[in-house]
């Protein structure tokens, strides 16, 4: 448990205490302790998923209640499935045909065209012109041009999550 904060240690200790009580409980009394266990796990973070799964598995092995064993094994198995990967926000030069892009912040492109916040654009193709650091992006019904020479790097590089 080295490298953990004091709070993480406290949360993990509480999880171990809950897991220690689970084998003696009938399945009808598991809801609240499991809710607390999973709530603590959420606070601790994903690094504790596998050790938490082991705690639940060991609790299931020690239980004399068959239905408690089943519920604890199921809860343990659920923790071993990796959590969903957070959505990756691609860089504008990584746009692929068919990708839908929502504009978070209004901006004006190189041609003076205002692209309003909330617009949803479907990407078709893009090109880059190294001479002026220019990007031309074709979307359904709209062409957007940006250029580094026009001080539009923040938009091109998506620095503000635009």
N, C-alpha and C. Protein backbone atom coordinates (compact mmCIF):
# COMPACT_ATOMS: atom_id res chain seq x y z
N UNK A 1 0.82 -1.20 0.00
CA UNK A 1 0.00 0.00 0.00
C UNK A 1 0.85 1.26 0.00
N UNK A 2 2.08 1.14 -0.45
CA UNK A 2 2.92 2.34 -0.49
C UNK A 2 2.49 3.23 -1.64
N UNK A 3 2.71 4.51 -1.50
CA UNK A 3 2.34 5.47 -2.53
C UNK A 3 0.90 5.92 -2.44
N UNK A 4 0.19 5.48 -1.41
CA UNK A 4 -1.21 5.88 -1.25
C UNK A 4 -1.31 7.07 -0.33
N UNK A 5 -2.34 7.86 -0.54
CA UNK A 5 -2.60 8.97 0.38
C UNK A 5 -3.23 8.41 1.65
N UNK A 6 -3.25 9.21 2.69
CA UNK A 6 -3.90 8.78 3.94
C UNK A 6 -5.38 8.48 3.72
N UNK A 7 -6.04 9.30 2.92
CA UNK A 7 -7.45 9.09 2.64
C UNK A 7 -7.67 7.76 1.91
N UNK A 8 -6.83 7.47 0.91
CA UNK A 8 -6.95 6.20 0.19
C UNK A 8 -6.75 5.02 1.13
N UNK A 9 -5.78 5.12 2.03
CA UNK A 9 -5.55 4.05 3.00
C UNK A 9 -6.78 3.85 3.89
N UNK A 10 -7.36 4.96 4.35
CA UNK A 10 -8.55 4.87 5.20
C UNK A 10 -9.72 4.23 4.46
N UNK A 11 -9.90 4.62 3.22
CA UNK A 11 -11.00 4.07 2.42
C UNK A 11 -10.79 2.58 2.18
N UNK A 12 -9.57 2.20 1.85
CA UNK A 12 -9.27 0.78 1.61
C UNK A 12 -9.44 -0.04 2.89
N UNK A 13 -9.04 0.52 4.02
CA UNK A 13 -9.21 -0.16 5.31
C UNK A 13 -10.69 -0.38 5.60
N UNK A 14 -11.50 0.63 5.32
CA UNK A 14 -12.96 0.50 5.52
C UNK A 14 -13.53 -0.56 4.58
N UNK A 15 -13.04 -0.62 3.33
CA UNK A 15 -13.50 -1.63 2.39
C UNK A 15 -13.14 -3.03 2.89
N UNK A 16 -11.94 -3.19 3.44
CA UNK A 16 -11.53 -4.48 3.98
C UNK A 16 -12.42 -4.88 5.15
N UNK A 17 -12.79 -3.91 5.97
CA UNK A 17 -13.67 -4.20 7.11
C UNK A 17 -15.05 -4.65 6.62
N UNK A 18 -15.56 -3.98 5.63
CA UNK A 18 -16.87 -4.37 5.07
C UNK A 18 -16.78 -5.78 4.49
N UNK A 19 -15.74 -6.03 3.71
CA UNK A 19 -15.56 -7.36 3.10
C UNK A 19 -15.44 -8.43 4.17
N UNK A 20 -14.86 -8.10 5.31
CA UNK A 20 -14.73 -9.06 6.40
C UNK A 20 -16.07 -9.43 7.02
N UNK A 21 -17.06 -8.51 6.93
CA UNK A 21 -18.39 -8.77 7.50
C UNK A 21 -19.31 -9.52 6.52
N UNK A 22 -19.04 -9.40 5.25
CA UNK A 22 -19.95 -9.95 4.24
C UNK A 22 -20.21 -11.45 4.35
N UNK A 23 -19.22 -12.30 4.67
CA UNK A 23 -19.49 -13.73 4.72
C UNK A 23 -20.56 -14.13 5.74
N UNK A 24 -20.72 -13.34 6.77
CA UNK A 24 -21.68 -13.72 7.83
C UNK A 24 -23.09 -13.21 7.53
N UNK A 25 -23.27 -12.52 6.42
CA UNK A 25 -24.58 -11.94 6.12
C UNK A 25 -25.36 -12.79 5.12
N UNK A 26 -26.68 -12.94 5.35
CA UNK A 26 -27.50 -13.58 4.32
C UNK A 26 -27.62 -12.62 3.13
N UNK A 27 -27.96 -13.15 1.97
CA UNK A 27 -27.99 -12.30 0.77
C UNK A 27 -28.99 -11.15 0.91
N UNK A 28 -30.01 -11.32 1.72
CA UNK A 28 -31.01 -10.24 1.90
C UNK A 28 -30.44 -9.05 2.65
N UNK A 29 -29.30 -9.20 3.30
CA UNK A 29 -28.68 -8.11 4.07
C UNK A 29 -27.45 -7.54 3.37
N UNK A 30 -27.20 -7.92 2.12
CA UNK A 30 -25.98 -7.48 1.42
C UNK A 30 -26.08 -6.12 0.74
N UNK A 31 -27.28 -5.66 0.45
CA UNK A 31 -27.43 -4.45 -0.35
C UNK A 31 -26.68 -3.24 0.21
N UNK A 32 -26.93 -2.93 1.45
CA UNK A 32 -26.31 -1.73 2.03
C UNK A 32 -24.79 -1.84 2.13
N UNK A 33 -24.26 -2.96 2.67
CA UNK A 33 -22.79 -3.05 2.73
C UNK A 33 -22.14 -3.02 1.34
N UNK A 34 -22.76 -3.66 0.35
CA UNK A 34 -22.18 -3.63 -0.99
C UNK A 34 -22.26 -2.24 -1.60
N UNK A 35 -23.36 -1.53 -1.34
CA UNK A 35 -23.48 -0.15 -1.82
C UNK A 35 -22.37 0.71 -1.24
N UNK A 36 -22.12 0.55 0.06
CA UNK A 36 -21.03 1.31 0.69
C UNK A 36 -19.67 0.89 0.12
N UNK A 37 -19.47 -0.40 -0.05
CA UNK A 37 -18.21 -0.93 -0.60
C UNK A 37 -17.93 -0.31 -1.98
N UNK A 38 -18.93 -0.35 -2.86
CA UNK A 38 -18.74 0.19 -4.20
C UNK A 38 -18.61 1.71 -4.20
N UNK A 39 -19.29 2.37 -3.28
CA UNK A 39 -19.13 3.82 -3.14
C UNK A 39 -17.71 4.20 -2.73
N UNK A 40 -17.16 3.43 -1.81
CA UNK A 40 -15.77 3.67 -1.38
C UNK A 40 -14.80 3.40 -2.53
N UNK A 41 -15.06 2.33 -3.27
CA UNK A 41 -14.21 2.00 -4.42
C UNK A 41 -14.21 3.14 -5.42
N UNK A 42 -15.36 3.73 -5.63
CA UNK A 42 -15.45 4.85 -6.57
C UNK A 42 -14.57 6.02 -6.10
N UNK A 43 -14.52 6.24 -4.81
CA UNK A 43 -13.69 7.31 -4.27
C UNK A 43 -12.21 6.98 -4.37
N UNK A 44 -11.87 5.70 -4.15
CA UNK A 44 -10.46 5.30 -4.18
C UNK A 44 -9.92 5.36 -5.59
N UNK A 45 -10.67 4.84 -6.55
CA UNK A 45 -10.22 4.88 -7.94
C UNK A 45 -10.05 3.50 -8.54
N UNK A 46 -9.89 3.47 -9.86
CA UNK A 46 -9.84 2.22 -10.61
C UNK A 46 -8.65 1.33 -10.26
N UNK A 47 -7.58 1.90 -9.71
CA UNK A 47 -6.41 1.08 -9.39
C UNK A 47 -6.77 0.02 -8.34
N UNK A 48 -7.85 0.23 -7.60
CA UNK A 48 -8.23 -0.70 -6.54
C UNK A 48 -9.26 -1.73 -7.00
N UNK A 49 -9.63 -1.73 -8.27
CA UNK A 49 -10.66 -2.66 -8.75
C UNK A 49 -10.26 -4.12 -8.54
N UNK A 50 -9.07 -4.51 -8.97
CA UNK A 50 -8.67 -5.92 -8.87
C UNK A 50 -8.51 -6.34 -7.41
N UNK A 51 -7.81 -5.57 -6.57
CA UNK A 51 -7.74 -5.98 -5.15
C UNK A 51 -9.13 -6.05 -4.50
N UNK A 52 -10.04 -5.16 -4.91
CA UNK A 52 -11.40 -5.18 -4.36
C UNK A 52 -12.13 -6.43 -4.81
N UNK A 53 -11.91 -6.82 -6.05
CA UNK A 53 -12.52 -8.05 -6.56
C UNK A 53 -12.03 -9.24 -5.74
N UNK A 54 -10.75 -9.25 -5.40
CA UNK A 54 -10.19 -10.34 -4.59
C UNK A 54 -10.84 -10.37 -3.20
N UNK A 55 -11.05 -9.19 -2.61
CA UNK A 55 -11.71 -9.13 -1.29
C UNK A 55 -13.09 -9.76 -1.35
N UNK A 56 -13.86 -9.43 -2.39
CA UNK A 56 -15.21 -9.98 -2.52
C UNK A 56 -15.18 -11.48 -2.80
N UNK A 57 -14.22 -11.90 -3.60
CA UNK A 57 -14.08 -13.33 -3.89
C UNK A 57 -13.74 -14.11 -2.62
N UNK A 58 -12.83 -13.58 -1.82
CA UNK A 58 -12.46 -14.25 -0.56
C UNK A 58 -13.66 -14.28 0.41
N UNK A 59 -14.43 -13.19 0.41
CA UNK A 59 -15.62 -13.16 1.26
C UNK A 59 -16.61 -14.23 0.82
N UNK A 60 -16.77 -14.40 -0.47
CA UNK A 60 -17.68 -15.43 -1.00
C UNK A 60 -17.21 -16.82 -0.57
N UNK A 61 -15.91 -17.04 -0.62
CA UNK A 61 -15.36 -18.36 -0.26
C UNK A 61 -15.60 -18.68 1.22
N UNK A 62 -15.63 -17.65 2.06
CA UNK A 62 -15.78 -17.86 3.50
C UNK A 62 -17.25 -17.94 3.95
N UNK A 63 -18.17 -17.59 3.06
CA UNK A 63 -19.58 -17.55 3.45
C UNK A 63 -20.19 -18.95 3.48
N UNK A 64 -21.09 -19.16 4.44
CA UNK A 64 -21.84 -20.41 4.53
C UNK A 64 -23.19 -20.31 3.82
N UNK A 65 -23.53 -19.13 3.33
CA UNK A 65 -24.81 -18.91 2.65
C UNK A 65 -24.59 -19.03 1.13
N UNK A 66 -25.17 -20.04 0.49
CA UNK A 66 -24.97 -20.21 -0.95
C UNK A 66 -25.40 -18.99 -1.78
N UNK A 67 -26.52 -18.37 -1.42
CA UNK A 67 -26.96 -17.20 -2.20
C UNK A 67 -26.05 -16.00 -1.97
N UNK A 68 -25.48 -15.88 -0.78
CA UNK A 68 -24.50 -14.82 -0.53
C UNK A 68 -23.24 -15.08 -1.36
N UNK A 69 -22.82 -16.33 -1.41
CA UNK A 69 -21.65 -16.68 -2.23
C UNK A 69 -21.86 -16.26 -3.69
N UNK A 70 -23.03 -16.58 -4.22
CA UNK A 70 -23.32 -16.26 -5.63
C UNK A 70 -23.27 -14.75 -5.85
N UNK A 71 -23.92 -13.99 -4.98
CA UNK A 71 -23.93 -12.52 -5.14
C UNK A 71 -22.53 -11.93 -5.04
N UNK A 72 -21.74 -12.44 -4.11
CA UNK A 72 -20.39 -11.90 -3.94
C UNK A 72 -19.49 -12.29 -5.11
N UNK A 73 -19.65 -13.51 -5.63
CA UNK A 73 -18.88 -13.90 -6.82
C UNK A 73 -19.26 -13.03 -8.02
N UNK A 74 -20.54 -12.75 -8.16
CA UNK A 74 -20.99 -11.89 -9.27
C UNK A 74 -20.41 -10.48 -9.12
N UNK A 75 -20.45 -9.97 -7.91
CA UNK A 75 -19.90 -8.62 -7.67
C UNK A 75 -18.40 -8.60 -7.95
N UNK A 76 -17.72 -9.66 -7.57
CA UNK A 76 -16.28 -9.76 -7.82
C UNK A 76 -15.99 -9.78 -9.31
N UNK A 77 -16.75 -10.60 -10.05
CA UNK A 77 -16.53 -10.70 -11.50
C UNK A 77 -16.80 -9.37 -12.18
N UNK A 78 -17.79 -8.64 -11.70
CA UNK A 78 -18.12 -7.33 -12.29
C UNK A 78 -16.94 -6.36 -12.17
N UNK A 79 -16.19 -6.48 -11.09
CA UNK A 79 -15.04 -5.59 -10.90
C UNK A 79 -13.88 -5.94 -11.81
N UNK A 80 -13.80 -7.18 -12.24
CA UNK A 80 -12.68 -7.59 -13.08
C UNK A 80 -12.85 -7.16 -14.52
N UNK A 81 -14.06 -6.73 -14.89
CA UNK A 81 -14.28 -6.20 -16.22
C UNK A 81 -13.77 -4.77 -16.20
N UNK A 82 -12.87 -4.42 -17.12
CA UNK A 82 -12.32 -3.06 -17.10
C UNK A 82 -13.40 -2.01 -17.26
N UNK A 83 -13.22 -0.87 -16.60
CA UNK A 83 -14.21 0.20 -16.76
C UNK A 83 -14.17 0.73 -18.19
N UNK A 84 -15.24 1.35 -18.64
CA UNK A 84 -15.24 1.89 -20.01
C UNK A 84 -14.14 2.93 -20.19
N UNK A 85 -13.56 2.93 -21.35
CA UNK A 85 -12.53 3.91 -21.68
C UNK A 85 -13.18 5.26 -21.90
N UNK A 86 -12.64 6.31 -21.29
CA UNK A 86 -13.24 7.63 -21.52
C UNK A 86 -13.16 8.00 -22.99
N UNK A 87 -14.12 8.79 -23.42
CA UNK A 87 -14.13 9.24 -24.82
C UNK A 87 -12.84 9.99 -25.12
N UNK A 88 -12.28 9.68 -26.24
CA UNK A 88 -11.05 10.34 -26.66
C UNK A 88 -11.44 11.46 -27.60
N UNK A 89 -10.94 12.63 -27.32
CA UNK A 89 -11.20 13.76 -28.18
C UNK A 89 -10.05 13.85 -29.18
N UNK A 90 -10.32 13.49 -30.44
CA UNK A 90 -9.23 13.51 -31.42
C UNK A 90 -8.79 14.94 -31.73
N UNK A 91 -7.55 15.04 -32.11
CA UNK A 91 -7.05 16.33 -32.57
C UNK A 91 -7.67 16.59 -33.94
N UNK A 92 -7.84 17.84 -34.32
CA UNK A 92 -8.49 18.12 -35.61
C UNK A 92 -7.83 17.44 -36.80
N UNK A 93 -6.51 17.25 -36.78
CA UNK A 93 -5.86 16.60 -37.92
C UNK A 93 -6.11 15.10 -37.92
N UNK A 94 -6.76 14.59 -36.86
CA UNK A 94 -7.10 13.17 -36.79
C UNK A 94 -8.56 12.90 -37.19
N UNK A 95 -9.28 13.94 -37.61
CA UNK A 95 -10.67 13.75 -38.01
C UNK A 95 -10.75 12.73 -39.13
N UNK A 96 -11.78 11.89 -39.09
CA UNK A 96 -11.98 10.87 -40.11
C UNK A 96 -13.33 11.12 -40.79
N UNK A 97 -13.44 10.76 -42.06
CA UNK A 97 -14.72 10.94 -42.76
C UNK A 97 -15.88 10.31 -42.00
N UNK A 98 -16.95 11.08 -41.88
CA UNK A 98 -18.14 10.62 -41.16
C UNK A 98 -18.16 11.02 -39.70
N UNK A 99 -17.02 11.48 -39.16
CA UNK A 99 -16.95 11.89 -37.75
C UNK A 99 -17.80 13.14 -37.55
N UNK A 100 -18.59 13.12 -36.48
CA UNK A 100 -19.41 14.30 -36.16
C UNK A 100 -18.68 15.10 -35.09
N UNK A 101 -18.62 16.40 -35.32
CA UNK A 101 -17.88 17.31 -34.44
C UNK A 101 -18.85 18.37 -33.93
N UNK A 102 -18.88 18.54 -32.61
CA UNK A 102 -19.71 19.60 -32.03
C UNK A 102 -18.79 20.76 -31.66
N UNK A 103 -19.16 21.96 -32.10
CA UNK A 103 -18.38 23.16 -31.82
C UNK A 103 -18.75 23.65 -30.42
N UNK A 104 -17.78 23.69 -29.52
CA UNK A 104 -18.05 24.09 -28.14
C UNK A 104 -18.00 25.61 -27.96
N UNK A 105 -17.20 26.28 -28.79
CA UNK A 105 -17.01 27.73 -28.63
C UNK A 105 -17.06 28.36 -30.01
N UNK A 106 -17.89 29.40 -30.15
CA UNK A 106 -17.98 30.10 -31.43
C UNK A 106 -16.61 30.61 -31.86
N UNK A 107 -16.32 30.52 -33.17
CA UNK A 107 -15.09 31.07 -33.69
C UNK A 107 -15.31 31.55 -35.12
N UNK A 108 -14.38 32.33 -35.60
CA UNK A 108 -14.43 32.84 -36.96
C UNK A 108 -13.28 32.22 -37.72
N UNK A 109 -13.59 31.65 -38.89
CA UNK A 109 -12.53 30.98 -39.66
C UNK A 109 -11.74 32.00 -40.48
N UNK A 110 -10.77 31.53 -41.24
CA UNK A 110 -9.85 32.37 -42.01
C UNK A 110 -10.60 33.25 -43.02
N UNK A 111 -11.73 32.78 -43.53
CA UNK A 111 -12.52 33.53 -44.51
C UNK A 111 -13.52 34.47 -43.88
N UNK A 112 -13.54 34.57 -42.54
CA UNK A 112 -14.47 35.45 -41.85
C UNK A 112 -15.82 34.82 -41.57
N UNK A 113 -15.95 33.55 -41.82
CA UNK A 113 -17.20 32.83 -41.59
C UNK A 113 -17.32 32.50 -40.10
N UNK A 114 -18.42 32.88 -39.48
CA UNK A 114 -18.65 32.60 -38.06
C UNK A 114 -19.21 31.18 -37.93
N UNK A 115 -18.57 30.40 -37.09
CA UNK A 115 -19.01 29.04 -36.81
C UNK A 115 -19.59 29.08 -35.40
N UNK A 116 -20.93 29.02 -35.27
CA UNK A 116 -21.55 29.19 -33.94
C UNK A 116 -21.34 28.00 -33.01
N UNK A 117 -21.27 28.31 -31.73
CA UNK A 117 -21.20 27.25 -30.71
C UNK A 117 -22.44 26.39 -30.83
N UNK A 118 -22.27 25.09 -30.61
CA UNK A 118 -23.38 24.16 -30.69
C UNK A 118 -23.58 23.55 -32.06
N UNK A 119 -22.91 24.10 -33.07
CA UNK A 119 -23.02 23.53 -34.41
C UNK A 119 -22.49 22.10 -34.40
N UNK A 120 -23.19 21.22 -35.10
CA UNK A 120 -22.73 19.84 -35.26
C UNK A 120 -22.39 19.67 -36.73
N UNK A 121 -21.13 19.37 -36.99
CA UNK A 121 -20.63 19.26 -38.36
C UNK A 121 -20.18 17.83 -38.62
N UNK A 122 -20.49 17.33 -39.81
CA UNK A 122 -20.06 15.99 -40.20
C UNK A 122 -18.87 16.12 -41.13
N UNK A 123 -17.73 15.62 -40.70
CA UNK A 123 -16.47 15.77 -41.43
C UNK A 123 -16.48 14.90 -42.68
N UNK A 124 -15.99 15.48 -43.79
CA UNK A 124 -15.86 14.74 -45.05
C UNK A 124 -14.40 14.58 -45.45
N UNK A 125 -13.64 15.67 -45.46
CA UNK A 125 -12.23 15.58 -45.85
C UNK A 125 -11.49 16.81 -45.35
N UNK A 126 -10.18 16.72 -45.39
CA UNK A 126 -9.36 17.84 -44.95
C UNK A 126 -8.05 17.87 -45.70
N UNK A 127 -7.46 19.06 -45.76
CA UNK A 127 -6.15 19.21 -46.39
C UNK A 127 -5.35 20.25 -45.62
N UNK A 128 -4.05 20.18 -45.81
CA UNK A 128 -3.14 21.06 -45.09
C UNK A 128 -2.22 21.73 -46.09
N UNK A 129 -2.01 23.04 -45.92
CA UNK A 129 -1.12 23.80 -46.79
C UNK A 129 0.01 24.36 -45.94
N UNK A 130 1.20 23.75 -46.01
CA UNK A 130 2.30 24.12 -45.12
C UNK A 130 2.76 25.58 -45.27
N UNK A 131 2.58 26.19 -46.43
CA UNK A 131 3.08 27.54 -46.64
C UNK A 131 2.54 28.52 -45.60
N UNK A 132 1.23 28.46 -45.36
CA UNK A 132 0.62 29.37 -44.38
C UNK A 132 0.09 28.63 -43.15
N UNK A 133 0.46 27.36 -43.02
CA UNK A 133 -0.06 26.58 -41.89
C UNK A 133 -1.58 26.49 -41.97
N UNK A 134 -2.08 26.36 -43.19
CA UNK A 134 -3.53 26.40 -43.39
C UNK A 134 -4.18 25.05 -43.45
N UNK A 135 -5.33 24.98 -42.84
CA UNK A 135 -6.16 23.77 -42.85
C UNK A 135 -7.46 24.10 -43.56
N UNK A 136 -7.87 23.25 -44.46
CA UNK A 136 -9.19 23.36 -45.08
C UNK A 136 -9.93 22.07 -44.75
N UNK A 137 -11.05 22.21 -44.09
CA UNK A 137 -11.85 21.06 -43.70
C UNK A 137 -13.20 21.13 -44.38
N UNK A 138 -13.56 20.06 -45.07
CA UNK A 138 -14.86 19.96 -45.72
C UNK A 138 -15.81 19.21 -44.78
N UNK A 139 -16.90 19.86 -44.46
CA UNK A 139 -17.96 19.24 -43.68
C UNK A 139 -19.20 19.20 -44.56
N UNK A 140 -20.20 18.42 -44.20
CA UNK A 140 -21.45 18.45 -44.94
C UNK A 140 -21.98 19.87 -44.94
N UNK A 141 -22.11 20.47 -46.11
CA UNK A 141 -22.71 21.79 -46.23
C UNK A 141 -21.84 22.96 -45.80
N UNK A 142 -20.58 22.74 -45.49
CA UNK A 142 -19.75 23.85 -45.02
C UNK A 142 -18.28 23.53 -45.20
N UNK A 143 -17.52 24.55 -45.59
CA UNK A 143 -16.07 24.45 -45.65
C UNK A 143 -15.51 25.38 -44.58
N UNK A 144 -14.59 24.89 -43.80
CA UNK A 144 -13.96 25.70 -42.75
C UNK A 144 -12.48 25.78 -43.07
N UNK A 145 -11.97 27.01 -43.12
CA UNK A 145 -10.54 27.21 -43.35
C UNK A 145 -9.94 27.94 -42.16
N UNK A 146 -8.81 27.42 -41.70
CA UNK A 146 -8.08 28.04 -40.60
C UNK A 146 -6.62 28.14 -40.99
N UNK A 147 -5.93 29.11 -40.44
CA UNK A 147 -4.52 29.28 -40.78
C UNK A 147 -3.73 29.76 -39.57
N UNK A 148 -2.54 29.18 -39.43
CA UNK A 148 -1.66 29.60 -38.34
C UNK A 148 -1.23 31.05 -38.50
N UNK A 149 -1.11 31.50 -39.73
CA UNK A 149 -0.69 32.89 -39.95
C UNK A 149 -1.76 33.88 -39.51
N UNK A 150 -2.97 33.41 -39.28
CA UNK A 150 -4.06 34.27 -38.82
C UNK A 150 -4.26 34.13 -37.31
N UNK A 151 -3.25 33.59 -36.62
CA UNK A 151 -3.30 33.42 -35.18
C UNK A 151 -4.49 32.55 -34.74
N UNK A 152 -4.67 31.44 -35.46
CA UNK A 152 -5.77 30.53 -35.15
C UNK A 152 -5.28 29.18 -34.62
N UNK A 153 -4.06 29.18 -34.07
CA UNK A 153 -3.49 27.92 -33.58
C UNK A 153 -4.33 27.29 -32.48
N UNK A 154 -4.92 28.12 -31.60
CA UNK A 154 -5.74 27.56 -30.52
C UNK A 154 -6.88 26.72 -31.08
N UNK A 155 -7.47 27.20 -32.15
CA UNK A 155 -8.59 26.46 -32.76
C UNK A 155 -8.04 25.24 -33.49
N UNK A 156 -6.98 25.42 -34.28
CA UNK A 156 -6.41 24.31 -35.06
C UNK A 156 -5.98 23.19 -34.13
N UNK A 157 -5.34 23.52 -33.03
CA UNK A 157 -4.82 22.51 -32.11
C UNK A 157 -5.83 22.09 -31.05
N UNK A 158 -7.02 22.68 -31.10
CA UNK A 158 -8.10 22.32 -30.17
C UNK A 158 -7.67 22.53 -28.73
N UNK A 159 -6.88 23.57 -28.47
CA UNK A 159 -6.36 23.81 -27.11
C UNK A 159 -7.45 24.09 -26.10
N UNK A 160 -8.50 24.73 -26.53
CA UNK A 160 -9.57 25.06 -25.58
C UNK A 160 -10.72 24.07 -25.66
N UNK A 161 -10.53 22.99 -26.40
CA UNK A 161 -11.59 22.00 -26.53
C UNK A 161 -12.71 22.49 -27.44
N UNK A 162 -12.37 23.41 -28.33
CA UNK A 162 -13.38 23.97 -29.24
C UNK A 162 -13.93 22.89 -30.12
